[in-house]
Each structure stands twice: as C-alpha cells, then as structure tokens.
Protein backbone atom coordinates (compact mmCIF):
# COMPACT_ATOMS: atom_id res chain seq x y z
CA MET A 1 -149.99 -151.11 5.15
CA ILE A 2 -151.07 -147.31 4.62
CA ARG A 3 -154.70 -146.42 3.51
CA ARG A 4 -155.14 -143.06 1.61
CA PHE A 5 -156.77 -140.57 4.95
CA SER A 6 -155.66 -142.67 7.51
CA VAL A 7 -153.55 -141.19 10.43
CA ASN A 8 -150.42 -142.73 9.22
CA HIS A 9 -151.20 -141.39 5.96
CA ALA A 10 -150.98 -138.19 7.52
CA VAL A 11 -148.02 -138.44 9.16
CA MET A 12 -146.55 -139.57 6.43
CA SER A 13 -147.78 -136.88 4.38
CA MET A 14 -145.59 -133.70 7.04
CA LEU A 15 -142.82 -135.78 7.24
CA LEU A 16 -142.93 -136.18 3.07
CA ASP A 17 -143.67 -132.21 3.03
CA ALA A 18 -141.15 -131.23 5.14
CA ALA A 19 -138.61 -133.60 3.16
CA LEU A 20 -139.04 -132.14 0.15
CA THR A 21 -139.50 -128.28 1.71
CA VAL A 22 -135.81 -128.97 2.50
CA CYS A 23 -135.08 -130.09 -1.24
CA ALA A 24 -136.69 -127.43 -2.08
CA LEU A 25 -134.50 -125.06 -0.90
CA ALA A 26 -131.35 -127.51 -1.66
CA VAL A 27 -131.95 -127.37 -5.14
CA ALA A 28 -133.16 -123.94 -5.75
CA VAL A 29 -129.01 -122.90 -3.44
CA ALA A 30 -127.87 -125.43 -6.50
CA VAL A 31 -129.23 -124.19 -9.71
CA ARG A 32 -129.30 -120.26 -8.93
CA PRO A 33 -126.32 -119.41 -10.17
CA GLY A 34 -126.48 -121.20 -13.18
CA LEU A 35 -129.81 -119.17 -13.86
CA SER A 36 -127.80 -115.80 -13.93
CA GLU A 37 -127.49 -116.67 -17.95
CA LEU A 38 -131.27 -116.03 -18.42
CA PRO A 39 -132.27 -112.16 -19.64
CA PHE A 40 -134.65 -111.60 -16.77
CA VAL A 41 -132.85 -112.89 -13.80
CA ARG A 42 -129.46 -110.33 -12.26
CA PRO A 43 -125.90 -111.97 -12.28
CA TYR A 44 -125.71 -114.28 -8.69
CA THR A 45 -123.96 -112.63 -6.18
CA PRO A 46 -123.76 -114.56 -2.66
CA TYR A 47 -123.18 -112.96 0.42
CA GLY A 48 -122.53 -115.81 2.44
CA GLY A 49 -125.12 -118.43 1.44
CA VAL A 50 -128.55 -119.88 2.70
CA THR A 51 -127.87 -120.89 6.51
CA SER A 52 -127.81 -123.74 7.88
CA VAL A 53 -130.54 -122.29 10.25
CA LEU A 54 -133.01 -121.83 7.19
CA TYR A 55 -132.99 -125.17 6.87
CA ALA A 56 -134.47 -126.09 10.12
CA VAL A 57 -136.73 -123.07 9.93
CA VAL A 58 -138.63 -123.62 7.23
CA PRO A 59 -139.30 -127.39 7.62
CA ALA A 60 -140.61 -126.34 10.86
CA LEU A 61 -142.78 -122.78 9.15
CA TRP A 62 -143.96 -125.15 6.47
CA GLY A 63 -145.81 -127.70 9.08
CA ILE A 64 -147.33 -125.65 11.40
CA VAL A 65 -148.92 -123.13 8.81
CA PHE A 66 -149.60 -126.22 6.63
CA LEU A 67 -151.49 -128.10 10.15
CA LEU A 68 -153.15 -124.78 10.65
CA ALA A 69 -154.90 -125.05 7.46
CA SER A 70 -155.83 -128.18 7.49
CA VAL A 71 -153.75 -129.67 4.68
CA TYR A 72 -153.81 -133.21 6.12
CA ASP A 73 -157.63 -133.11 7.25
CA PRO A 74 -159.06 -136.07 5.37
CA LYS A 75 -162.41 -134.68 5.81
CA LYS A 76 -161.56 -131.10 3.23
CA ILE A 77 -159.45 -133.02 0.66
CA TYR A 78 -161.53 -135.91 -0.73
CA LYS A 79 -161.40 -134.09 -3.79
CA LEU A 80 -158.15 -133.39 -5.44
CA ILE A 81 -159.05 -129.58 -6.77
CA ASP A 82 -159.82 -129.27 -2.84
CA GLU A 83 -156.70 -130.49 -2.17
CA LEU A 84 -154.81 -128.94 -4.48
CA GLN A 85 -156.53 -125.51 -3.09
CA ALA A 86 -155.25 -126.53 -0.04
CA VAL A 87 -151.67 -127.11 -0.54
CA THR A 88 -151.38 -123.82 -2.48
CA LEU A 89 -152.81 -121.13 -0.58
CA ALA A 90 -151.13 -122.83 2.55
CA ILE A 91 -147.76 -122.93 0.26
CA ALA A 92 -148.57 -119.07 -0.78
CA PHE A 93 -149.29 -118.37 3.06
CA ALA A 94 -146.21 -120.06 4.46
CA SER A 95 -143.68 -117.94 1.97
CA LEU A 96 -145.71 -114.52 3.07
CA VAL A 97 -144.33 -115.73 6.54
CA PHE A 98 -140.83 -116.96 5.68
CA ALA A 99 -140.70 -113.67 3.21
CA GLY A 100 -141.62 -111.38 6.84
CA LEU A 101 -139.13 -113.95 8.94
CA LEU A 102 -136.13 -112.89 6.43
CA PHE A 103 -136.60 -109.22 6.35
CA LEU A 104 -137.08 -108.40 10.31
CA SER A 105 -135.13 -111.43 11.72
CA SER A 106 -131.42 -111.68 11.03
CA LEU A 107 -131.98 -114.60 9.12
CA ARG A 108 -129.83 -113.52 5.63
CA GLY A 109 -128.49 -115.16 3.56
CA MET A 110 -131.39 -115.16 0.42
CA SER A 111 -132.18 -113.14 -2.45
CA ARG A 112 -135.14 -112.00 -4.11
CA TRP A 113 -134.29 -114.84 -7.08
CA LEU A 114 -133.47 -117.37 -5.06
CA PHE A 115 -137.00 -117.53 -3.06
CA VAL A 116 -138.73 -117.41 -6.08
CA PHE A 117 -137.14 -120.08 -7.06
CA PHE A 118 -137.12 -121.84 -3.89
CA VAL A 119 -141.15 -121.38 -3.50
CA LEU A 120 -141.77 -122.47 -7.37
CA PHE A 121 -140.13 -125.92 -6.87
CA ASP A 122 -141.19 -126.71 -3.58
CA PHE A 123 -144.97 -126.20 -4.89
CA LEU A 124 -143.87 -128.50 -7.67
CA PHE A 125 -142.35 -131.07 -5.45
CA LEU A 126 -145.29 -130.97 -3.06
CA VAL A 127 -148.03 -130.85 -5.85
CA GLY A 128 -145.65 -133.42 -7.72
CA TRP A 129 -145.97 -136.53 -5.40
CA ARG A 130 -149.70 -135.85 -3.98
CA LEU A 131 -150.82 -136.20 -7.39
CA ILE A 132 -148.49 -139.88 -7.72
CA ALA A 133 -149.45 -140.94 -4.84
CA ARG A 134 -153.31 -140.04 -5.34
CA ALA A 135 -152.68 -141.64 -8.98
CA ILE A 136 -150.91 -144.81 -6.88
CA PHE A 137 -154.09 -145.42 -5.32
CA ARG A 138 -155.95 -145.22 -7.91
CA LEU A 139 -154.85 -148.11 -9.80
CA GLY A 140 -154.66 -149.97 -6.75
CA ARG A 141 -151.64 -150.94 -5.81
CA PHE A 142 -152.31 -150.23 -1.53
CA SER A 143 -155.62 -152.54 -2.25
CA GLY A 144 -155.31 -154.31 0.85
CA ALA A 145 -155.39 -151.36 2.54
CA ARG A 146 -159.31 -151.27 2.41
CA GLN A 147 -162.40 -150.42 4.81
CA LEU A 148 -165.62 -152.20 4.40
CA VAL A 149 -168.33 -150.45 4.44
CA LEU A 150 -172.06 -152.16 5.18
CA VAL A 151 -175.50 -150.06 4.59
CA VAL A 152 -178.08 -150.95 6.65
CA GLY A 153 -181.70 -150.21 4.63
CA ALA A 154 -182.07 -150.87 0.58
CA GLY A 155 -184.63 -147.59 -0.39
CA LYS A 156 -182.90 -145.25 -2.59
CA GLU A 157 -180.86 -142.79 -0.31
CA ALA A 158 -178.94 -146.43 0.81
CA ARG A 159 -178.55 -146.70 -2.59
CA GLN A 160 -177.22 -143.21 -3.44
CA VAL A 161 -174.57 -144.08 -0.06
CA ALA A 162 -173.91 -147.45 -1.80
CA GLN A 163 -172.65 -145.49 -5.52
CA MET A 164 -170.85 -142.77 -3.69
CA VAL A 165 -168.75 -145.70 -1.82
CA GLU A 166 -168.03 -146.98 -4.81
CA GLU A 167 -167.19 -144.19 -6.59
CA TYR A 168 -164.96 -143.95 -3.78
CA SER A 169 -163.62 -147.00 -3.55
CA TRP A 170 -159.62 -146.06 -4.98
CA THR A 171 -159.85 -143.94 -1.00
CA GLY A 172 -159.88 -148.01 0.47
CA LEU A 173 -163.64 -148.20 0.74
CA GLU A 174 -165.52 -151.15 -0.10
CA PHE A 175 -169.22 -151.45 -0.53
CA VAL A 176 -170.01 -154.55 1.29
CA GLY A 177 -173.82 -155.44 0.47
CA PHE A 178 -177.19 -153.64 2.40
CA LEU A 179 -179.39 -155.09 5.54
CA ASP A 180 -183.33 -154.33 4.96
CA ASP A 181 -185.93 -155.95 6.33
CA HIS A 182 -187.24 -156.33 2.52
CA GLU A 183 -186.12 -156.57 -1.18
CA PRO A 184 -184.77 -153.42 -2.61
CA ALA A 185 -187.78 -152.22 -4.91
CA GLN A 186 -184.92 -151.96 -7.21
CA ALA A 187 -182.12 -154.80 -8.64
CA THR A 188 -178.75 -153.80 -6.55
CA THR A 189 -175.62 -155.08 -7.83
CA LYS A 190 -174.47 -155.84 -3.94
CA PRO A 191 -176.83 -158.57 -2.40
CA VAL A 192 -179.16 -157.57 0.94
CA LEU A 193 -176.92 -159.69 3.48
CA GLY A 194 -179.36 -159.83 5.74
CA ARG A 195 -182.65 -158.97 8.09
CA ILE A 196 -181.90 -155.09 10.33
CA ASP A 197 -181.59 -156.87 12.97
CA GLN A 198 -179.25 -159.42 12.30
CA VAL A 199 -176.64 -156.79 12.15
CA ARG A 200 -174.10 -157.64 14.73
CA GLU A 201 -173.71 -161.22 13.53
CA ILE A 202 -172.96 -160.15 9.84
CA VAL A 203 -170.74 -157.03 11.19
CA GLN A 204 -169.07 -159.80 12.68
CA SER A 205 -169.15 -162.56 10.53
CA HIS A 206 -168.00 -160.04 7.35
CA LYS A 207 -165.62 -157.63 9.68
CA ILE A 208 -167.48 -154.39 9.24
CA ASP A 209 -165.41 -151.39 9.60
CA ASN A 210 -167.76 -149.03 8.94
CA ILE A 211 -171.76 -148.95 8.70
CA VAL A 212 -173.92 -146.03 7.12
CA LEU A 213 -177.70 -146.06 8.55
CA ALA A 214 -179.66 -145.12 5.80
CA LEU A 215 -183.28 -145.99 7.19
CA PRO A 216 -186.74 -144.64 5.44
CA LYS A 217 -187.73 -141.39 8.03
CA GLU A 218 -190.86 -144.22 9.48
CA GLN A 219 -187.41 -146.50 11.27
CA TYR A 220 -185.90 -143.87 12.60
CA ASN A 221 -186.85 -144.85 15.76
CA ARG A 222 -184.41 -147.93 15.13
CA ILE A 223 -181.67 -145.82 15.00
CA ASN A 224 -180.92 -146.13 18.80
CA LYS A 225 -181.32 -149.64 18.69
CA LEU A 226 -179.09 -150.44 16.41
CA VAL A 227 -176.50 -147.84 18.53
CA VAL A 228 -176.83 -149.44 20.99
CA THR A 229 -176.55 -153.60 19.47
CA LEU A 230 -172.92 -152.21 18.40
CA HIS A 231 -171.90 -150.42 21.25
CA ASP A 232 -169.43 -152.39 21.20
CA LEU A 233 -168.11 -153.74 18.42
CA PRO A 234 -164.74 -151.64 16.59
CA VAL A 235 -167.48 -150.07 13.98
CA ARG A 236 -168.24 -146.61 12.87
CA VAL A 237 -171.21 -145.97 12.42
CA ARG A 238 -172.73 -143.30 10.68
CA VAL A 239 -175.98 -142.23 10.03
CA VAL A 240 -178.34 -140.37 6.45
CA PRO A 241 -181.22 -138.87 7.81
CA ASP A 242 -183.46 -138.09 4.99
CA TYR A 243 -180.70 -138.04 2.77
CA TYR A 244 -182.58 -135.89 -0.46
CA SER A 245 -183.95 -133.08 2.32
CA LEU A 246 -181.56 -132.40 4.37
CA ALA A 247 -179.14 -132.32 0.40
CA LEU A 248 -181.08 -130.17 -0.53
CA TYR A 249 -180.94 -127.71 2.56
CA ARG A 250 -177.09 -127.85 3.18
CA ALA A 251 -177.78 -129.43 6.04
CA LYS A 252 -174.58 -128.97 8.73
CA ALA A 253 -174.21 -129.99 12.48
CA GLU A 254 -172.91 -127.67 14.51
CA GLU A 255 -173.53 -126.77 18.40
CA PHE A 256 -176.05 -124.12 19.65
CA GLY A 257 -175.58 -123.18 23.02
CA GLY A 258 -174.26 -126.48 23.73
CA LEU A 259 -176.83 -128.66 22.20
CA PRO A 260 -175.69 -130.54 18.99
CA MET A 261 -178.35 -129.45 15.94
CA ILE A 262 -178.75 -130.24 12.24
CA SER A 263 -178.60 -126.71 10.60
CA LEU A 264 -181.25 -126.70 7.34
CA ARG A 265 -181.05 -123.37 6.62
CA ASP A 266 -177.53 -121.19 6.43
CA PRO A 267 -176.88 -119.28 4.02
CA ALA A 268 -175.49 -121.17 0.76
CA LEU A 269 -172.40 -118.32 1.16
CA ASN A 270 -171.09 -117.25 4.28
CA ASP A 271 -169.69 -114.12 5.55
CA TYR A 272 -166.26 -114.70 3.82
CA GLN A 273 -167.19 -116.00 0.90
CA ARG A 274 -170.01 -113.36 0.12
CA LEU A 275 -167.00 -109.91 0.91
CA ILE A 276 -164.85 -112.10 -1.47
CA LYS A 277 -167.84 -112.52 -3.88
CA ARG A 278 -168.86 -108.65 -3.64
CA LEU A 279 -165.32 -108.03 -4.20
CA VAL A 280 -164.01 -109.55 -7.41
CA ASP A 281 -168.00 -108.12 -8.62
CA LEU A 282 -166.96 -104.68 -8.25
CA GLY A 283 -163.28 -104.76 -9.04
CA LEU A 284 -163.91 -106.66 -12.28
CA GLY A 285 -167.45 -105.40 -13.11
CA THR A 286 -166.53 -102.09 -13.06
CA LEU A 287 -163.13 -102.63 -15.02
CA SER A 288 -165.06 -104.88 -17.83
CA LEU A 289 -167.96 -102.00 -17.36
CA VAL A 290 -164.98 -99.23 -18.10
CA LEU A 291 -163.10 -101.88 -21.38
CA ALA A 292 -165.97 -102.05 -22.78
CA ALA A 293 -167.12 -98.39 -22.70
CA PRO A 294 -166.39 -98.39 -26.96
CA VAL A 295 -169.13 -101.29 -27.64
CA PHE A 296 -171.35 -99.88 -25.69
CA ILE A 297 -171.36 -96.75 -27.70
CA ILE A 298 -171.77 -98.44 -30.78
CA VAL A 299 -174.48 -101.49 -30.42
CA ALA A 300 -176.31 -97.92 -28.22
CA GLY A 301 -176.23 -95.93 -31.94
CA ALA A 302 -176.65 -99.66 -34.62
CA ILE A 303 -179.80 -100.51 -32.13
CA LYS A 304 -180.76 -96.57 -32.04
CA LEU A 305 -180.48 -96.38 -35.85
CA THR A 306 -182.45 -99.89 -37.06
CA SER A 307 -185.45 -100.21 -34.69
CA GLU A 308 -187.62 -97.51 -33.26
CA GLY A 309 -187.72 -97.69 -29.17
CA PRO A 310 -185.29 -97.70 -26.62
CA VAL A 311 -181.88 -98.41 -27.02
CA PHE A 312 -182.14 -100.34 -23.79
CA PHE A 313 -184.67 -103.35 -22.15
CA LYS A 314 -185.79 -103.21 -18.94
CA GLN A 315 -187.28 -106.26 -17.19
CA GLN A 316 -188.49 -107.56 -13.70
CA ARG A 317 -186.99 -110.15 -12.70
CA VAL A 318 -185.78 -112.68 -9.69
CA GLY A 319 -182.85 -112.26 -7.34
CA GLU A 320 -181.10 -113.66 -4.69
CA ASN A 321 -183.91 -114.90 -1.77
CA GLY A 322 -186.67 -114.00 -4.27
CA ARG A 323 -186.13 -110.65 -4.03
CA LEU A 324 -188.06 -108.24 -7.13
CA PHE A 325 -185.79 -105.94 -9.18
CA THR A 326 -184.47 -104.38 -12.64
CA MET A 327 -182.55 -106.10 -14.54
CA TYR A 328 -181.33 -103.85 -18.02
CA LYS A 329 -180.68 -105.41 -21.49
CA PHE A 330 -179.61 -104.00 -24.69
CA ARG A 331 -182.75 -104.46 -26.55
CA SER A 332 -183.27 -107.37 -28.55
CA MET A 333 -186.55 -107.41 -29.66
CA ILE A 334 -189.81 -104.85 -30.92
CA VAL A 335 -191.82 -102.61 -28.67
CA GLY A 336 -194.03 -104.66 -26.65
CA ALA A 337 -191.85 -108.05 -27.45
CA ASP A 338 -192.32 -108.83 -23.87
CA LYS A 339 -196.73 -108.83 -24.81
CA MET A 340 -196.53 -111.12 -27.38
CA GLN A 341 -195.00 -114.16 -24.77
CA GLN A 342 -198.22 -116.04 -25.32
CA GLN A 343 -197.77 -115.65 -28.62
CA VAL A 344 -194.67 -117.40 -28.70
CA ASN A 345 -194.26 -119.78 -25.70
CA ARG A 346 -195.08 -123.33 -26.87
CA VAL A 347 -195.10 -126.99 -24.52
CA ASP A 348 -193.10 -130.06 -25.22
CA ALA A 349 -194.09 -133.54 -25.09
CA HIS A 350 -194.49 -133.28 -20.78
CA GLY A 351 -196.58 -130.79 -20.50
CA GLN A 352 -193.44 -128.40 -19.45
CA ILE A 353 -193.39 -124.70 -20.64
CA ILE A 354 -190.53 -123.32 -23.47
CA HIS A 355 -190.33 -119.72 -23.57
CA LYS A 356 -187.47 -119.15 -25.87
CA GLN A 357 -186.48 -120.99 -29.65
CA ALA A 358 -184.61 -119.86 -31.91
CA ASN A 359 -186.05 -118.21 -34.70
CA ASP A 360 -188.08 -116.24 -33.20
CA PRO A 361 -190.45 -113.63 -35.11
CA ARG A 362 -190.49 -110.27 -32.62
CA ILE A 363 -186.07 -110.43 -32.67
CA THR A 364 -184.61 -107.96 -35.15
CA ARG A 365 -181.69 -108.14 -36.92
CA VAL A 366 -179.25 -106.04 -34.87
CA GLY A 367 -180.78 -107.87 -31.61
CA ARG A 368 -180.14 -111.91 -33.82
CA PHE A 369 -176.13 -110.08 -33.21
CA ILE A 370 -176.67 -109.66 -30.15
CA ARG A 371 -178.42 -112.15 -29.10
CA ARG A 372 -175.83 -114.71 -30.43
CA THR A 373 -172.69 -112.42 -29.45
CA SER A 374 -174.21 -111.72 -25.96
CA LEU A 375 -173.62 -107.85 -26.14
CA ASP A 376 -177.39 -107.43 -25.23
CA GLU A 377 -176.08 -108.80 -21.49
CA LEU A 378 -173.85 -105.60 -21.59
CA PRO A 379 -175.91 -103.64 -19.58
CA GLN A 380 -176.08 -105.68 -15.98
CA LEU A 381 -172.81 -104.97 -15.09
CA LEU A 382 -174.58 -101.63 -14.21
CA ASN A 383 -176.72 -104.37 -12.17
CA VAL A 384 -173.28 -105.71 -11.01
CA ILE A 385 -172.16 -103.52 -9.62
CA LYS A 386 -175.56 -101.73 -8.08
CA GLY A 387 -175.79 -105.06 -6.21
CA ASP A 388 -178.16 -106.70 -7.86
CA MET A 389 -176.35 -109.23 -9.71
CA SER A 390 -173.27 -111.28 -9.53
CA LEU A 391 -170.46 -111.51 -12.77
CA VAL A 392 -171.40 -115.25 -11.81
CA GLY A 393 -174.11 -117.08 -10.50
CA PRO A 394 -177.77 -118.47 -11.49
CA ARG A 395 -180.02 -116.82 -13.78
CA PRO A 396 -182.26 -114.27 -12.72
CA GLU A 397 -185.60 -116.11 -13.19
CA LEU A 398 -188.73 -114.01 -14.46
CA PRO A 399 -191.74 -113.96 -12.09
CA TRP A 400 -194.02 -115.38 -13.75
CA LEU A 401 -191.88 -118.69 -14.35
CA ALA A 402 -190.37 -118.66 -10.97
CA ALA A 403 -193.99 -118.76 -9.84
CA GLN A 404 -194.48 -122.36 -10.86
CA TYR A 405 -191.47 -123.60 -9.48
CA GLU A 406 -191.22 -126.27 -7.29
CA PRO A 407 -190.53 -125.59 -3.72
CA TRP A 408 -187.10 -127.73 -4.31
CA GLN A 409 -185.77 -125.34 -7.54
CA ARG A 410 -186.12 -122.07 -5.12
CA LYS A 411 -183.32 -122.74 -3.47
CA ARG A 412 -181.73 -121.71 -6.76
CA PHE A 413 -182.60 -118.27 -5.47
CA SER A 414 -180.54 -118.56 -2.08
CA VAL A 415 -177.12 -117.08 -3.15
CA PRO A 416 -176.54 -113.77 -6.01
CA GLN A 417 -178.16 -113.90 -9.52
CA GLY A 418 -176.03 -114.12 -12.30
CA ILE A 419 -174.45 -112.37 -15.60
CA THR A 420 -172.58 -115.89 -16.55
CA GLY A 421 -173.07 -119.41 -14.50
CA TRP A 422 -173.00 -122.81 -14.41
CA TRP A 423 -176.59 -123.56 -16.43
CA GLN A 424 -175.28 -120.86 -19.10
CA VAL A 425 -171.64 -122.71 -19.62
CA ASN A 426 -173.60 -126.37 -20.06
CA GLY A 427 -175.77 -125.41 -22.57
CA ARG A 428 -177.49 -121.79 -22.22
CA SER A 429 -180.59 -122.28 -24.11
CA ASP A 430 -180.28 -125.24 -25.30
CA LYS A 431 -181.42 -126.14 -21.77
CA PRO A 432 -183.78 -124.14 -20.59
CA MET A 433 -183.57 -122.63 -17.22
CA HIS A 434 -186.97 -123.68 -15.71
CA LEU A 435 -186.24 -127.16 -16.61
CA HIS A 436 -182.61 -127.63 -15.69
CA THR A 437 -182.24 -126.03 -11.93
CA GLU A 438 -179.85 -128.97 -11.43
CA ASP A 439 -177.76 -127.33 -12.88
CA ASP A 440 -178.12 -124.21 -10.93
CA LEU A 441 -177.90 -126.52 -7.28
CA TYR A 442 -175.28 -128.18 -8.60
CA TYR A 443 -173.74 -124.06 -8.06
CA VAL A 444 -175.04 -123.60 -4.90
CA GLN A 445 -173.72 -126.32 -3.16
CA ASN A 446 -170.64 -126.48 -4.39
CA TYR A 447 -169.66 -123.27 -4.47
CA SER A 448 -166.00 -122.11 -4.41
CA LEU A 449 -164.12 -118.44 -5.93
CA TRP A 450 -162.57 -121.14 -7.80
CA MET A 451 -165.42 -122.37 -9.52
CA ASP A 452 -166.55 -118.96 -9.99
CA ILE A 453 -163.07 -118.17 -11.71
CA TYR A 454 -163.28 -121.00 -13.60
CA ILE A 455 -167.25 -120.69 -14.77
CA LEU A 456 -166.15 -117.22 -15.98
CA LEU A 457 -162.93 -118.65 -17.95
CA LYS A 458 -165.43 -120.97 -19.65
CA THR A 459 -167.85 -118.49 -20.86
CA LEU A 460 -165.31 -116.22 -23.13
CA TRP A 461 -164.97 -119.88 -24.69
CA VAL A 462 -168.76 -120.12 -24.69
CA VAL A 463 -169.71 -116.99 -26.06
CA LEU A 464 -167.43 -117.29 -28.93
CA ARG A 465 -168.56 -120.24 -30.46
CA GLY A 466 -171.69 -118.97 -29.83
CA LYS A 467 -173.67 -122.08 -28.93
CA GLY A 468 -177.33 -122.09 -27.10
CA ALA A 469 -177.33 -118.41 -27.97
CA TYR A 470 -180.91 -117.16 -29.21
C-alpha cells in the first residue's frame, strides 16, 4: 500500500510527472493545428514537427529540475499551498531551461505557441493529479497504509502534538494514545496506555511506528534512557523540547562548526526573503505613490480647507527590532489630539486598555471619511520607500503600548512593520492590535511571498467594505 509521504509514493510521483509531461507535449502537438482558428494565435506552419529526441529530453529535464526544487521532499509538501508553490516554480524554471536549450541547440521543431500550450497543459496535468491524489487520500481510500503514533507525556505540549497528528490523519498518521506516570489534568479523547517506563512493551504490543517525546522540562533527563530502551526496535523517535517556547522563537536544528545545535534567535526572514520583500516594496510602493498623486492633492486640500493645522500627522512608532521611527499619516483629528489620549482610553472587562473607539470626538469631518476609506494611510508609502516600513507586515505600535507587551508579544517586531497585514485583513479595529498579537505572530511564523500577495489582494476587499476602520 502506497503511503502519502513514503519513498514509494515519491518514486510513483516522479514516474507520473515524467509520463504526464510527455503526454502534455503530445497533446500540445496534437491540438496545435486546430488552435490556429483562434484570433490571437498565428497560423500553424510546421517545419519538421517535434522530434523524437524531445520526447526523451523533456521528461529527463523535468525530473532533474523537480529533484533540485525538492518537489518530492515530504518535509516541504505537507501543506497543499507549499506543494502547489513548489510544482509551479519547478515547472516555470524547467520551462525556462527548456526554452534556452531549444534556442542554443539544434533541437528545433517547436514554435512559440506550441511551447506555450505545452507548458500550459503540463501545469494542468501535474497540478491536477496532485489535487486528485490529495482528495483520494483525504477520503481515506488508502486507510490500510497507517503510521501509528504514540506520544510520551500527557501535558499541554503532548496534547498539542496529539491534536496536530489527528489533524493530519489523512496523510496516514494515526494517534494511538499517551504514556504518562500520572493521569492528564484535562480529559483527552485518547487513553493513557500506561506508564513511561512501559514504553518498550507498548511499542511492541501496539506495533507503533513513531514515538513523540513531549515531556516537561523537569523530565528531560529521561529522554536518553528512553532512546536507549528503544534502540533495537523499528520505531522512529522524535523529541518536542519545550514546544511552546521553541515554536515562539522559530527554533530550528542546525550545525555550528560541526556541532548539532538548536538555533533560537535566527532572523524571521532570511536574506533572500528580505531582498525580495524590499524589491517588491520599492516597486509597488513607488508605482502606488505615483498613481495616488491626484488623491494626495485632493485629500490634502480637503484637510486644509476644513480644519486648522498641518495636512500631515507625524507620530513616533515602534518598528522592526524595536527601532523607533516617524510614521506619516494624513491628519484626521484635531490638533493636539494625541495629548487627549488619556481622556479617550477605556478599560474592558478584562482590564485591557482600549485606545480606539468608533465615535472618537477628536476626529474631524474629513478625518472620519479618510479613516473609513483608509486614505489617511496613504502617506505611509513614503515610509515604505524610505525603508522604515513594508507594504505588508504587523502594524507599527505606539511606544507606550509596546512598553506594556508581554515578552512573547514582542516577537511581532522581528519583521518589517507594514501598512497592511494579517491582523488588518482579519478584523482591523474590531480586534485591537495589542490584544490580538497572535495574528501577527502567525504571519511571522508562516511568512512567504505568496502570503504577502494574498494579504495585499484581500486588503483591497477589506478597504472597500470599510469594516473595522475608524
């Protein structure tokens, strides 16, 4: 039975990708003459056709590129979005290499439109079979190929591991139960099968495939003994050391001078991600600033004509790594509004400070409109171009509020702060930022360029609705 993330499945995937890529080439060759009737497609003028050599070169090239792009690495394709992203990028890169090969070699016989149709069919075939395969596995058609998981420990971390395993049960994982010397403090759906020192007997009797050690810190000295006890059994052992704190700091295993270590304070964005993010900020930020120039003039005129004071409001905010910077906005309140903050603040039933409200008396008539439409945020494009902010990221916080953060909340400052972000597109002012930093931590821990694009697109819809903006 083929498991979703087994070696056999990876081999089958490679063969299926190669076969479907050849099919995509054959289909493109077959349908190309009939597509000449389309107005934007040039008439088909074959000059020898696709040679048989290409039917051998294409799958070999695709296989090499897909291996280099880690398309078959189970650790990188657990999530559907990650697999689709890997396949899309691999097809794009393989297509570019193939185009260069056609141009530089004597392997002729492919028109530009034939090449385009081949790549399109290849994308549809390779993505399509993966979607179908995931649907089949989710429906449980391969329920016989199971990986039994036993969790040693029954505390908070152990329950989180059990929940994650059950969420990914469609991949073939099956959570069997816990081992612990005490009954869990909270009720669980799975039983405690025995004490920790009975691990060997329970692994053998239940035919366990995987063990996750999720013990509290005070029991770390037992890990070595447990590993020695299981050394001759065909079972994989994984350790979850202080699950919450390490997840919070994006801990990862790495080598330092040949020594295995766990890194706790690596940058949230690597150098490549930071470069791409900055290039996108400069490109889109500059374009947006040019296109918004007429709006700048109209809003500035409306503010100047309807209330006394400057057009722009400057305020100190906390940026990446706690650095203070001056953030720009169109002034939407009366002059001196920041000095009246204590009069507006209120405390909720949990003792938390709420510093924004829908009917703030300090807001001007024009200010109410530009805040509702988010036009007051436009000058922050200048902050983006300067490098103080990014288009997407956690919102820059007020210094007096940031000073009251818990240590775990300060992780939101580990990336460039943004004009829009995960928090804004999931509630905005309906969810006070300092009380919902878990949204920003989700962004930090799951960052990708695709996530930035998704947030930018969703921001347009949120702004049009005007929900939560005041």
